[in-house]
């Protein structure tokens, strides 16, 4: 009984050991070879479950009990190359604060030195934006007057303090933003260029009187004068209009105070304010006043009364620019008001038109008109005629009469620093109460 028992359990154990010794056969699809070139797509075969079979039990150590290897080669995968750009280096941080802006280089202030419109070049061509385009003309005009006042209150202190103007203009330098203009030639005492200029302008006038003029009777008078202008800023300047000597020649001496003599003339000077300057429209407007001091010699019909004040307005405008050149118009209008009853009061207006040949800013043929309307007689002399814009005789019998002369000439610029002007002037209106028969005016401008 016991032997049967052990025989049974021995058979069971032997059978279990035999089962554990069997291998599992796994059959996979054969591996796909790797090809560097793309192959045509092949539809995959229907998936089949792997055949797993349990073999017949074999005794351990039997030659047929070897475990077959399993082939599980990974199918070929497409070649993938990965890359990336290098990291952007960090922006270096400046440990020091930025430097302060140059004088005047603040927001809303004038441009620093070297920035702005090139002298003689139009602002639009230099990239200057007209930010006031949406405003009315009067609004823009008011803003520019306000800027002029700012120059009055702040610019003068900078000039006398020795600093340069922020726009690149040096101290006392002329306004070269409008070098296409040519200063008028005739009537140099009252016909004023509206620009702020620093210059010396010696001029000479030969006046041939009318044969019908009592006392002078066709005699010639000669005037040698020196004008001086100093531009404190682009908007403020001081002008000496009349400083010089006169020679009078009377062919009928003894007619009241008319005689042949020579002597010092009255002194005219005063301030000028350029209230509007627009480099886009090429427009300049100025106001000013001449203080006429009667300090001249009575022998040459100067020194009449005490003092006159002559406020004026001056305007310059460029227009009709073409490849052949452009036109420049200039005018001055004002009134000479005596502060006593000795000097004659009068209204004056001068007109100037020139042509800038080829826009070279060299040669300017010109035509000018000079008009004088006497409003109140003087009380110094009883001549019956006046001296137009060269003398103030303080004569009676002239109120309501007028003088009109026409001048033809030219101005030539060697450069902006050296210029010459010449004009011949003829009487157009005046009759017997007019002294002028003909004038010849020549000048030299030495401009800074």
Protein backbone atom coordinates (compact mmCIF):
# COMPACT_ATOMS: atom_id res chain seq x y z
CA UNK A 1 0.00 0.00 0.00
CA UNK A 2 2.79 2.38 0.99
CA UNK A 3 4.75 1.47 -2.16
CA UNK A 4 1.72 2.36 -4.33
CA UNK A 5 1.40 5.66 -2.51
CA UNK A 6 4.98 6.71 -3.20
CA UNK A 7 4.77 5.43 -6.74
CA UNK A 8 1.75 7.74 -7.38
CA UNK A 9 3.34 10.92 -6.00
CA UNK A 10 6.61 10.18 -7.79
CA UNK A 11 4.81 10.01 -11.09
CA UNK A 12 3.06 13.32 -10.38
CA UNK A 13 6.32 15.10 -9.53
CA UNK A 14 8.05 13.67 -12.55
CA UNK A 15 5.28 14.88 -14.78
CA UNK A 16 5.36 18.42 -13.27
CA UNK A 17 9.12 18.68 -13.73
CA UNK A 18 8.80 17.60 -17.27
CA UNK A 19 6.14 20.28 -17.95
CA UNK A 20 8.31 23.03 -16.45
CA UNK A 21 11.16 22.10 -18.72
CA UNK A 22 9.19 22.72 -21.88
CA UNK A 23 9.88 25.94 -23.91
CA UNK A 24 7.38 28.44 -25.28
CA UNK A 25 7.73 28.97 -29.00
CA UNK A 26 6.86 32.55 -30.10
CA UNK A 27 6.77 33.23 -33.80
CA UNK A 28 6.99 36.89 -34.94
CA UNK A 29 6.95 38.44 -38.38
CA UNK A 30 10.39 38.55 -39.98
CA UNK A 31 12.24 41.86 -39.51
CA UNK A 32 12.12 44.45 -42.27
CA UNK A 33 15.46 45.42 -43.74
CA UNK A 34 16.51 49.13 -43.42
CA UNK A 35 16.59 51.13 -46.65
CA UNK A 36 18.06 54.62 -46.92
CA UNK A 37 15.88 55.33 -49.95
CA UNK A 38 12.16 55.64 -49.58
CA UNK A 39 10.27 52.49 -50.61
CA UNK A 40 6.82 52.28 -52.01
CA UNK A 41 4.16 51.99 -49.46
CA UNK A 42 2.93 48.37 -48.89
CA UNK A 43 -0.35 47.66 -47.28
CA UNK A 44 0.28 45.79 -44.06
CA UNK A 45 -0.84 42.19 -43.86
CA UNK A 46 -3.76 41.45 -41.66
CA UNK A 47 -2.65 41.03 -38.13
CA UNK A 48 -2.45 37.42 -36.93
CA UNK A 49 -2.15 36.37 -33.37
CA UNK A 50 1.18 34.83 -32.51
CA UNK A 51 1.00 31.01 -32.48
CA UNK A 52 1.95 29.84 -29.03
CA UNK A 53 1.94 26.04 -28.56
CA UNK A 54 2.81 23.82 -25.68
CA UNK A 55 4.97 20.95 -26.84
CA UNK A 56 4.78 17.41 -25.74
CA UNK A 57 6.49 16.77 -22.40
CA UNK A 58 10.08 15.61 -22.81
CA UNK A 59 12.48 14.35 -20.21
CA UNK A 60 15.13 16.79 -18.97
CA UNK A 61 18.38 16.56 -20.85
CA UNK A 62 16.64 15.28 -23.95
CA UNK A 63 18.06 16.67 -27.23
CA UNK A 64 14.59 17.73 -28.25
CA UNK A 65 14.17 19.84 -25.13
CA UNK A 66 16.26 22.75 -26.39
CA UNK A 67 14.52 26.16 -26.15
CA UNK A 68 14.20 27.85 -29.49
CA UNK A 69 15.31 31.55 -29.52
CA UNK A 70 12.76 34.21 -30.01
CA UNK A 71 13.36 36.71 -32.81
CA UNK A 72 12.02 40.16 -32.00
CA UNK A 73 13.92 42.61 -34.22
CA UNK A 74 12.38 46.11 -34.12
CA UNK A 75 10.95 47.17 -37.47
CA UNK A 76 12.81 49.86 -39.36
CA UNK A 77 12.00 53.45 -38.42
CA UNK A 78 12.37 56.59 -40.63
CA UNK A 79 15.58 58.62 -40.11
CA UNK A 80 14.94 61.75 -38.05
CA UNK A 81 17.53 64.54 -37.58
CA UNK A 82 16.96 67.05 -34.78
CA UNK A 83 18.57 70.50 -34.50
CA UNK A 84 17.94 73.91 -32.86
CA UNK A 85 19.21 77.47 -33.14
CA UNK A 86 21.72 78.68 -30.60
CA UNK A 87 20.46 80.60 -27.64
CA UNK A 88 20.22 84.40 -28.10
CA UNK A 89 22.81 86.03 -25.90
CA UNK A 90 21.37 88.34 -23.28
CA UNK A 91 21.37 92.09 -23.96
CA UNK A 92 24.12 93.70 -21.91
CA UNK A 93 22.88 96.10 -19.30
CA UNK A 94 24.57 99.48 -19.18
CA UNK A 95 25.45 100.09 -15.54
CA UNK A 96 25.65 103.85 -16.18
CA UNK A 97 22.65 106.14 -16.82
CA UNK A 98 22.36 107.81 -20.28
CA UNK A 99 23.97 111.25 -20.61
CA UNK A 100 21.74 114.33 -20.35
CA UNK A 101 20.52 115.92 -23.60
CA UNK A 102 22.55 118.83 -25.02
CA UNK A 103 21.43 122.40 -24.32
CA UNK A 104 18.17 123.04 -26.04
CA UNK A 105 17.68 119.35 -26.89
CA UNK A 106 14.57 118.94 -24.79
CA UNK A 107 11.21 117.75 -25.96
CA UNK A 108 9.47 120.60 -27.67
CA UNK A 109 12.60 122.80 -27.70
CA UNK A 110 14.88 123.77 -30.55
CA UNK A 111 17.08 121.20 -32.22
CA UNK A 112 20.64 120.63 -30.94
CA UNK A 113 23.60 122.03 -32.90
CA UNK A 114 24.06 120.50 -36.32
CA UNK A 115 20.44 119.40 -36.58
CA UNK A 116 18.01 121.28 -38.72
CA UNK A 117 17.73 122.79 -42.12
CA UNK A 118 20.88 123.22 -44.17
CA UNK A 119 21.41 126.91 -44.91
CA UNK A 120 19.91 127.79 -48.25
CA UNK A 121 17.85 124.59 -48.46
CA UNK A 122 14.07 124.43 -48.22
CA UNK A 123 12.79 122.97 -44.97
CA UNK A 124 10.44 120.51 -46.73
CA UNK A 125 13.36 119.02 -48.71
CA UNK A 126 15.31 118.63 -45.46
CA UNK A 127 12.59 116.48 -43.89
CA UNK A 128 11.06 119.11 -41.65
CA UNK A 129 7.43 118.21 -40.94
CA UNK A 130 4.89 120.99 -40.89
CA UNK A 131 3.04 119.97 -37.74
CA UNK A 132 0.80 123.03 -37.90
CA UNK A 133 -0.90 122.00 -41.13
CA UNK A 134 -4.24 121.43 -39.43
CA UNK A 135 -4.33 124.92 -37.91
CA UNK A 136 -5.68 128.09 -39.46
CA UNK A 137 -3.31 130.76 -40.73
CA UNK A 138 -4.14 133.05 -37.80
CA UNK A 139 -3.53 130.24 -35.29
CA UNK A 140 -0.11 129.51 -36.77
CA UNK A 141 0.66 133.22 -36.88
CA UNK A 142 -0.25 133.59 -33.20
CA UNK A 143 1.92 130.63 -32.23
CA UNK A 144 4.92 132.08 -34.04
CA UNK A 145 4.47 135.43 -32.34
CA UNK A 146 4.46 133.57 -29.03
CA UNK A 147 7.69 131.82 -30.00
CA UNK A 148 9.19 135.17 -30.91
CA UNK A 149 8.31 136.46 -27.45
CA UNK A 150 9.99 133.40 -25.94
CA UNK A 151 13.10 134.38 -27.87
CA UNK A 152 12.83 137.89 -26.47
CA UNK A 153 12.68 136.65 -22.89
CA UNK A 154 15.17 133.78 -23.08
CA UNK A 155 17.30 134.25 -26.17
CA UNK A 156 18.91 137.54 -25.21
CA UNK A 157 20.22 136.22 -21.92
CA UNK A 158 21.81 133.29 -23.76
CA UNK A 159 23.44 135.59 -26.29
CA UNK A 160 25.01 137.87 -23.72
CA UNK A 161 25.96 134.85 -21.62
CA UNK A 162 28.24 133.67 -24.42
CA UNK A 163 26.39 130.45 -25.33
CA UNK A 164 25.53 129.43 -28.84
CA UNK A 165 21.98 129.30 -30.03
CA UNK A 166 20.68 125.73 -29.98
CA UNK A 167 19.80 125.69 -33.69
CA UNK A 168 23.50 125.79 -34.58
CA UNK A 169 23.62 129.57 -35.06
CA UNK A 170 26.60 131.20 -33.41
CA UNK A 171 26.38 134.38 -31.42
CA UNK A 172 25.35 137.43 -33.51
CA UNK A 173 25.23 135.36 -36.72
CA UNK A 174 22.76 136.38 -39.42
CA UNK A 175 19.68 134.29 -40.10
CA UNK A 176 20.84 132.13 -43.02
CA UNK A 177 17.63 130.16 -43.28
CA UNK A 178 16.47 132.46 -46.09
CA UNK A 179 19.58 133.09 -48.16
CA UNK A 180 17.54 132.97 -51.37
CA UNK A 181 16.33 136.52 -50.62
CA UNK A 182 18.15 139.60 -51.90
CA UNK A 183 18.05 142.79 -49.83
CA UNK A 184 16.54 145.85 -51.54
CA UNK A 185 18.82 148.49 -53.04
CA UNK A 186 16.86 151.75 -53.35
CA UNK A 187 15.50 153.78 -50.41
CA UNK A 188 18.01 152.13 -48.02
CA UNK A 189 17.00 154.29 -45.05
CA UNK A 190 13.36 153.18 -44.86
CA UNK A 191 13.23 149.97 -46.94
CA UNK A 192 14.14 147.29 -44.37
CA UNK A 193 14.85 143.58 -44.95
CA UNK A 194 12.71 141.59 -42.43
CA UNK A 195 15.44 139.07 -41.62
CA UNK A 196 17.63 139.31 -38.51
CA UNK A 197 21.02 140.20 -39.98
CA UNK A 198 24.50 141.06 -38.79
CA UNK A 199 26.22 143.19 -41.40
CA UNK A 200 27.92 146.40 -42.41
CA UNK A 201 26.39 148.12 -45.41
CA UNK A 202 28.11 151.23 -46.77
CA UNK A 203 26.05 152.90 -49.51
CA UNK A 204 26.44 155.90 -51.76
CA UNK A 205 23.65 157.96 -53.39
CA UNK A 206 23.92 160.54 -56.12
CA UNK A 207 20.76 162.66 -56.30
CA UNK A 208 20.18 164.93 -59.31
CA UNK A 209 17.52 167.48 -58.36
CA UNK A 210 14.86 168.80 -60.70
CA UNK A 211 15.57 171.98 -62.61
CA UNK A 212 12.27 173.35 -61.36
CA UNK A 213 13.14 172.81 -57.68
CA UNK A 214 13.70 176.25 -56.06
CA UNK A 215 17.14 176.67 -54.53
CA UNK A 216 18.66 173.47 -55.88
CA UNK A 217 17.59 174.10 -59.52
CA UNK A 218 19.18 170.93 -60.92
CA UNK A 219 22.10 170.78 -58.49
CA UNK A 220 23.50 167.42 -57.34
CA UNK A 221 23.54 166.11 -53.77
CA UNK A 222 25.79 163.28 -52.58
CA UNK A 223 25.23 160.97 -49.62
CA UNK A 224 27.79 158.64 -48.06
CA UNK A 225 26.30 156.49 -45.31
CA UNK A 226 27.12 153.45 -43.24
CA UNK A 227 24.39 151.10 -42.06
CA UNK A 228 25.00 148.49 -39.36
CA UNK A 229 22.86 145.62 -38.15
CA UNK A 230 23.39 143.20 -35.30
CA UNK A 231 21.28 140.03 -34.95
CA UNK A 232 20.93 139.13 -31.29
CA UNK A 233 18.81 136.08 -32.14
CA UNK A 234 16.97 134.84 -35.21
CA UNK A 235 14.11 137.12 -34.16
CA UNK A 236 15.74 140.18 -32.57
CA UNK A 237 18.11 142.66 -34.14
CA UNK A 238 19.33 146.24 -33.75
CA UNK A 239 19.55 148.44 -36.85
CA UNK A 240 21.39 151.70 -37.55
CA UNK A 241 19.63 152.96 -40.68
CA UNK A 242 21.31 156.31 -41.22
CA UNK A 243 24.81 157.38 -40.18
CA UNK A 244 26.81 159.49 -42.58
CA UNK A 245 27.72 162.66 -44.43
CA UNK A 246 25.97 164.74 -47.10
CA UNK A 247 27.15 167.27 -49.69
CA UNK A 248 24.51 169.70 -51.03
CA UNK A 249 24.88 171.85 -54.15
CA UNK A 250 22.54 174.79 -54.67
CA UNK A 251 22.43 176.41 -58.10
CA UNK A 252 20.20 179.12 -56.63
CA UNK A 253 21.78 179.82 -53.24
CA UNK A 254 19.94 182.09 -50.88
CA UNK A 255 16.52 180.46 -51.29
CA UNK A 256 15.63 180.23 -47.62
CA UNK A 257 18.16 177.81 -46.07
CA UNK A 258 19.29 176.10 -49.28
CA UNK A 259 23.03 176.45 -49.82
CA UNK A 260 26.12 174.61 -51.01
CA UNK A 261 27.62 172.90 -47.99
CA UNK A 262 28.48 169.55 -46.42
CA UNK A 263 27.90 168.15 -43.00
CA UNK A 264 26.72 165.40 -40.71
CA UNK A 265 23.25 163.89 -41.24
CA UNK A 266 20.57 163.00 -38.71
CA UNK A 267 20.99 159.66 -36.92
CA UNK A 268 18.35 156.94 -37.43
CA UNK A 269 18.40 153.67 -35.46
CA UNK A 270 16.04 151.26 -33.72
CA UNK A 271 15.04 147.66 -32.89
CA UNK A 272 13.59 145.10 -35.28
CA UNK A 273 11.61 141.99 -34.31
CA UNK A 274 11.19 139.16 -36.82
CA UNK A 275 7.83 137.91 -35.61
CA UNK A 276 7.25 135.26 -38.29
CA UNK A 277 9.73 133.07 -40.16
CA UNK A 278 8.55 129.96 -41.98
CA UNK A 279 11.11 127.93 -43.92
CA UNK A 280 8.38 125.77 -45.45
CA UNK A 281 6.46 128.60 -47.09
CA UNK A 282 9.61 130.80 -47.32
CA UNK A 283 7.94 133.70 -45.56
CA UNK A 284 9.46 136.28 -43.19
CA UNK A 285 7.63 139.11 -41.38
CA UNK A 286 9.14 141.71 -39.08
CA UNK A 287 8.07 144.82 -37.19
CA UNK A 288 10.31 147.57 -35.96
CA UNK A 289 10.73 151.28 -35.33
CA UNK A 290 13.27 153.90 -36.35
CA UNK A 291 14.20 156.56 -33.82
CA UNK A 292 15.10 159.65 -35.83
CA UNK A 293 17.36 161.95 -33.82
CA UNK A 294 17.70 165.43 -35.29
CA UNK A 295 21.42 165.75 -34.62
CA UNK A 296 22.54 166.69 -38.15
CA UNK A 297 23.97 169.94 -39.50
CA UNK A 298 21.46 172.74 -40.24
CA UNK A 299 23.62 173.95 -43.13
CA UNK A 300 22.75 170.78 -45.07
CA UNK A 301 19.05 170.97 -44.09
CA UNK A 302 19.36 168.41 -41.30
CA UNK A 303 18.77 168.84 -37.57
CA UNK A 304 15.09 169.72 -38.03
CA UNK A 305 13.07 169.69 -34.81
CA UNK A 306 13.94 167.18 -32.15
CA UNK A 307 12.72 163.64 -32.80
CA UNK A 308 10.52 161.43 -34.97
CA UNK A 309 9.44 157.80 -34.46
CA UNK A 310 8.85 155.66 -37.55
CA UNK A 311 7.18 152.30 -36.81
CA UNK A 312 7.08 149.89 -39.76
CA UNK A 313 6.17 146.40 -40.92
CA UNK A 314 8.32 144.45 -43.38
CA UNK A 315 7.51 141.26 -45.28
CA UNK A 316 9.41 138.95 -47.66
CA UNK A 317 7.97 136.06 -49.71
CA UNK A 318 9.43 133.63 -52.25
CA UNK A 319 7.10 132.29 -54.96
CA UNK A 320 6.82 130.75 -58.47
CA UNK A 321 9.91 128.58 -58.20
CA UNK A 322 10.94 126.72 -61.37
CA UNK A 323 14.03 125.28 -63.03
CA UNK A 324 14.78 128.76 -64.40
CA UNK A 325 14.67 130.50 -61.03
CA UNK A 326 12.21 131.98 -58.56
CA UNK A 327 10.70 135.33 -57.63
CA UNK A 328 11.19 137.19 -54.36
CA UNK A 329 8.80 139.86 -53.17
CA UNK A 330 9.61 142.29 -50.36
CA UNK A 331 7.78 145.30 -48.93
CA UNK A 332 8.04 147.76 -46.05
CA UNK A 333 5.18 150.00 -44.92
CA UNK A 334 5.34 152.53 -42.09
CA UNK A 335 4.63 156.01 -40.80
CA UNK A 336 7.04 158.77 -39.69
CA UNK A 337 5.50 160.57 -36.70
CA UNK A 338 7.12 163.74 -35.38
CA UNK A 339 7.11 164.39 -31.64
CA UNK A 340 7.02 168.15 -32.21
CA UNK A 341 5.50 170.48 -34.81
CA UNK A 342 8.78 171.11 -36.60
CA UNK A 343 9.25 167.94 -38.64
CA UNK A 344 6.98 166.73 -41.47
CA UNK A 345 4.87 163.61 -40.95
CA UNK A 346 4.42 161.13 -43.79
CA UNK A 347 3.36 157.61 -44.76
CA UNK A 348 5.85 155.49 -46.71
CA UNK A 349 5.70 152.24 -48.63
CA UNK A 350 8.39 150.48 -50.69
CA UNK A 351 7.94 147.45 -52.95
CA UNK A 352 10.63 145.12 -54.29
CA UNK A 353 10.48 142.29 -56.85
CA UNK A 354 13.51 140.31 -57.98
CA UNK A 355 14.25 137.11 -59.88
CA UNK A 356 16.78 134.60 -58.53
CA UNK A 357 18.29 133.46 -61.84
CA UNK A 358 18.62 129.68 -61.95
CA UNK A 359 18.07 129.50 -58.17
CA UNK A 360 21.84 129.92 -57.85
CA UNK A 361 21.45 132.77 -55.30
CA UNK A 362 23.93 134.85 -57.31
CA UNK A 363 22.36 137.33 -59.70
CA UNK A 364 19.07 139.12 -59.02
CA UNK A 365 17.67 141.62 -61.53
CA UNK A 366 15.14 143.74 -59.65
CA UNK A 367 12.51 146.45 -59.86
CA UNK A 368 11.41 148.64 -56.92
CA UNK A 369 8.78 151.30 -56.19
CA UNK A 370 9.04 153.89 -53.41
CA UNK A 371 5.98 155.87 -52.36
CA UNK A 372 5.71 158.76 -49.87
CA UNK A 373 2.44 160.45 -48.84
CA UNK A 374 2.82 163.62 -46.73
CA UNK A 375 0.12 163.94 -44.09
CA UNK A 376 1.12 166.97 -41.97
CA UNK A 377 3.26 169.99 -42.74
CA UNK A 378 6.36 170.79 -40.76
CA UNK A 379 6.99 174.15 -39.16
CA UNK A 380 10.73 174.61 -39.65
CA UNK A 381 11.10 175.91 -43.23
CA UNK A 382 9.00 177.45 -45.98
CA UNK A 383 10.36 175.61 -49.00
CA UNK A 384 7.10 174.31 -50.49
CA UNK A 385 8.55 170.84 -51.15
CA UNK A 386 10.02 167.98 -49.15
CA UNK A 387 13.12 165.81 -49.28
CA UNK A 388 11.33 162.48 -49.81
CA UNK A 389 13.29 159.79 -47.88
CA UNK A 390 16.67 161.59 -47.80
CA UNK A 391 15.79 164.82 -45.97
CA UNK A 392 13.12 165.96 -43.55
CA UNK A 393 13.01 169.70 -44.27
CA UNK A 394 10.05 170.36 -41.98
CA UNK A 395 8.55 172.30 -44.87
CA UNK A 396 5.12 173.83 -45.17
CA UNK A 397 2.67 173.40 -48.04
CA UNK A 398 3.30 169.67 -48.60
CA UNK A 399 0.41 168.00 -46.73
CA UNK A 400 -1.71 165.99 -49.16
CA UNK A 401 1.03 165.65 -51.77
CA UNK A 402 2.89 162.46 -52.68
CA UNK A 403 6.15 161.27 -54.23
CA UNK A 404 6.57 158.08 -56.30
CA UNK A 405 9.82 156.79 -57.79
CA UNK A 406 10.68 153.72 -59.87
CA UNK A 407 14.03 151.94 -59.49
CA UNK A 408 15.61 149.41 -61.84
CA UNK A 409 18.76 147.55 -60.94
CA UNK A 410 20.33 144.31 -59.75
CA UNK A 411 22.09 142.67 -56.86
CA UNK A 412 25.01 140.28 -57.23
CA UNK A 413 26.21 137.90 -54.50
CA UNK A 414 29.76 136.63 -54.65
CA UNK A 415 28.61 134.69 -51.60
CA UNK A 416 26.42 135.47 -48.59
CA UNK A 417 29.27 137.41 -47.00
CA UNK A 418 29.98 139.79 -49.89
CA UNK A 419 27.27 141.36 -52.05
CA UNK A 420 26.91 144.36 -54.36
CA UNK A 421 23.83 146.31 -55.40
CA UNK A 422 23.17 149.02 -58.00
CA UNK A 423 19.92 150.77 -58.96
CA UNK A 424 18.88 153.80 -60.98
CA UNK A 425 15.75 155.62 -59.72
CA UNK A 426 13.41 157.90 -61.66
CA UNK A 427 10.65 160.23 -60.54
CA UNK A 428 7.17 159.08 -61.55
CA UNK A 429 4.92 161.29 -59.43
CA UNK A 430 5.53 164.48 -57.50
CA UNK A 431 5.26 167.51 -59.77
CA UNK A 432 6.78 170.79 -58.66
CA UNK A 433 6.83 169.78 -54.99
CA UNK A 434 9.27 166.96 -55.62
CA UNK A 435 13.07 167.28 -55.30
CA UNK A 436 14.15 164.13 -57.15
CA UNK A 437 15.01 164.14 -60.82
CA UNK A 438 17.22 161.04 -60.79
CA UNK A 439 19.08 158.89 -58.26
CA UNK A 440 21.86 156.37 -58.50
CA UNK A 441 22.30 154.09 -55.47
CA UNK A 442 25.22 151.71 -54.98
CA UNK A 443 25.96 149.58 -51.92
CA UNK A 444 28.24 146.86 -50.59
CA UNK A 445 27.03 144.32 -48.01
CA UNK A 446 29.52 142.66 -45.68
CA UNK A 447 27.36 140.06 -43.90
CA UNK A 448 28.15 137.63 -41.11
